[in-house]
Structures are given as structure tokens and as C-alpha cells.
């Protein structure tokens, strides 16, 4: 059985973005994010999570530069 949302999970891993950080941006509980990832997301929900990941990754990169 193939895991759902493999691309999203890979993006989270690659950019080192934890589920709790995504939940904070989306203003939901961490468990809600994890529960949504269990089944394939709609394209709108996928885009919303991808934008959150990109936003968090950009903020983390900015923090590293500012040091």
C-alpha cells in the first residue's frame, strides 16, 4: 500500500518543516495536519499546505542568514 501525499511528506522532510509549524500557520492543531495527510488531499488543500511549507522554509532560511 502506497502512503498518501508522498510529495508533501518529502517536501516537509527536505525543507525540515515539522507538522506543528504547518499547523501553526494554518491555525489548526498538529493532529489535524497529520490526519489530513493520511488520505489524498484535494488540490486546494494541497496548495494550501505547500504554500505553508514554502513560507516556513523561507522564514527558516532568513533566520539562518541573520544568524
C-alpha atoms as a PDB file:
ATOM      1  CA  UNK A   1       0.000   0.000   0.000  1.00  0.00           C
ATOM      2  CA  UNK A   2       1.353   3.399  -1.018  1.00  0.00           C
ATOM      3  CA  UNK A   3       1.342   6.186   1.544  1.00  0.00           C
ATOM      4  CA  UNK A   4      -0.829   9.170   0.747  1.00  0.00           C
ATOM      5  CA  UNK A   5       0.704  12.571  -0.005  1.00  0.00           C
ATOM      6  CA  UNK A   6       4.232  11.272  -0.514  1.00  0.00           C
ATOM      7  CA  UNK A   7       5.253  14.506  -2.253  1.00  0.00           C
ATOM      8  CA  UNK A   8       4.061  16.666   0.650  1.00  0.00           C
ATOM      9  CA  UNK A   9       5.823  14.438   3.173  1.00  0.00           C
ATOM     10  CA  UNK A  10       9.033  14.551   1.102  1.00  0.00           C
ATOM     11  CA  UNK A  11       8.800  18.335   0.872  1.00  0.00           C
ATOM     12  CA  UNK A  12       8.374  18.567   4.655  1.00  0.00           C
ATOM     13  CA  UNK A  13      11.407  16.333   5.171  1.00  0.00           C
ATOM     14  CA  UNK A  14      13.579  18.058   2.569  1.00  0.00           C
ATOM     15  CA  UNK A  15      12.847  21.550   3.867  1.00  0.00           C
ATOM     16  CA  UNK A  16      12.898  20.419   7.513  1.00  0.00           C
ATOM     17  CA  UNK A  17       9.418  21.704   8.260  1.00  0.00           C
ATOM     18  CA  UNK A  18       7.622  19.882  11.086  1.00  0.00           C
ATOM     19  CA  UNK A  19       3.872  19.297  11.110  1.00  0.00           C
ATOM     20  CA  UNK A  20       3.423  21.534  14.154  1.00  0.00           C
ATOM     21  CA  UNK A  21       4.853  24.509  12.234  1.00  0.00           C
ATOM     22  CA  UNK A  22       2.433  23.914   9.351  1.00  0.00           C
ATOM     23  CA  UNK A  23      -0.405  23.657  11.846  1.00  0.00           C
ATOM     24  CA  UNK A  24       0.606  26.971  13.393  1.00  0.00           C
ATOM     25  CA  UNK A  25       0.498  28.727  10.001  1.00  0.00           C
ATOM     26  CA  UNK A  26      -2.832  27.100   9.082  1.00  0.00           C
ATOM     27  CA  UNK A  27      -4.202  27.778  12.585  1.00  0.00           C
ATOM     28  CA  UNK A  28      -5.184  24.195  13.259  1.00  0.00           C
ATOM     29  CA  UNK A  29      -3.911  21.547  15.660  1.00  0.00           C
ATOM     30  CA  UNK A  30      -0.872  19.473  14.658  1.00  0.00           C
ATOM     31  CA  UNK A  31      -3.001  16.333  14.756  1.00  0.00           C
ATOM     32  CA  UNK A  32      -5.330  17.873  12.164  1.00  0.00           C
ATOM     33  CA  UNK A  33      -2.437  18.300   9.731  1.00  0.00           C
ATOM     34  CA  UNK A  34      -1.266  14.728  10.317  1.00  0.00           C
ATOM     35  CA  UNK A  35      -4.819  13.397   9.932  1.00  0.00           C
ATOM     36  CA  UNK A  36      -5.249  15.239   6.629  1.00  0.00           C
ATOM     37  CA  UNK A  37      -2.028  13.678   5.339  1.00  0.00           C
ATOM     38  CA  UNK A  38      -3.444  10.174   5.827  1.00  0.00           C
ATOM     39  CA  UNK A  39      -5.649  10.480   2.733  1.00  0.00           C
ATOM     40  CA  UNK A  40      -5.024  12.171  -0.602  1.00  0.00           C
ATOM     41  CA  UNK A  41      -5.620  15.891  -0.390  1.00  0.00           C
ATOM     42  CA  UNK A  42      -7.771  17.948  -2.711  1.00  0.00           C
ATOM     43  CA  UNK A  43      -5.782  20.228  -4.984  1.00  0.00           C
ATOM     44  CA  UNK A  44      -6.843  23.294  -2.960  1.00  0.00           C
ATOM     45  CA  UNK A  45      -5.753  21.745   0.341  1.00  0.00           C
ATOM     46  CA  UNK A  46      -2.503  20.516  -1.219  1.00  0.00           C
ATOM     47  CA  UNK A  47      -1.696  24.036  -2.447  1.00  0.00           C
ATOM     48  CA  UNK A  48      -2.520  25.497   0.955  1.00  0.00           C
ATOM     49  CA  UNK A  49      -0.119  23.123   2.714  1.00  0.00           C
ATOM     50  CA  UNK A  50       2.592  23.586   0.073  1.00  0.00           C
ATOM     51  CA  UNK A  51       2.371  27.385   0.487  1.00  0.00           C
ATOM     52  CA  UNK A  52       2.663  26.985   4.254  1.00  0.00           C
ATOM     53  CA  UNK A  53       5.753  24.781   3.850  1.00  0.00           C
ATOM     54  CA  UNK A  54       7.376  27.289   1.483  1.00  0.00           C
ATOM     55  CA  UNK A  55       6.568  30.170   3.831  1.00  0.00           C
ATOM     56  CA  UNK A  56       8.069  28.375   6.828  1.00  0.00           C
ATOM     57  CA  UNK A  57      11.149  27.259   4.875  1.00  0.00           C
ATOM     58  CA  UNK A  58      11.741  30.840   3.688  1.00  0.00           C
ATOM     59  CA  UNK A  59      11.435  32.150   7.244  1.00  0.00           C
ATOM     60  CA  UNK A  60      13.864  29.478   8.483  1.00  0.00           C
ATOM     61  CA  UNK A  61      16.355  30.344   5.750  1.00  0.00           C
ATOM     62  CA  UNK A  62      16.086  34.022   6.663  1.00  0.00           C
ATOM     63  CA  UNK A  63      16.782  33.199  10.335  1.00  0.00           C
ATOM     64  CA  UNK A  64      19.900  31.240   9.314  1.00  0.00           C
ATOM     65  CA  UNK A  65      21.212  34.190   7.306  1.00  0.00           C
ATOM     66  CA  UNK A  66      20.525  36.673  10.115  1.00  0.00           C
ATOM     67  CA  UNK A  67      22.170  34.195  12.468  1.00  0.00           C
END
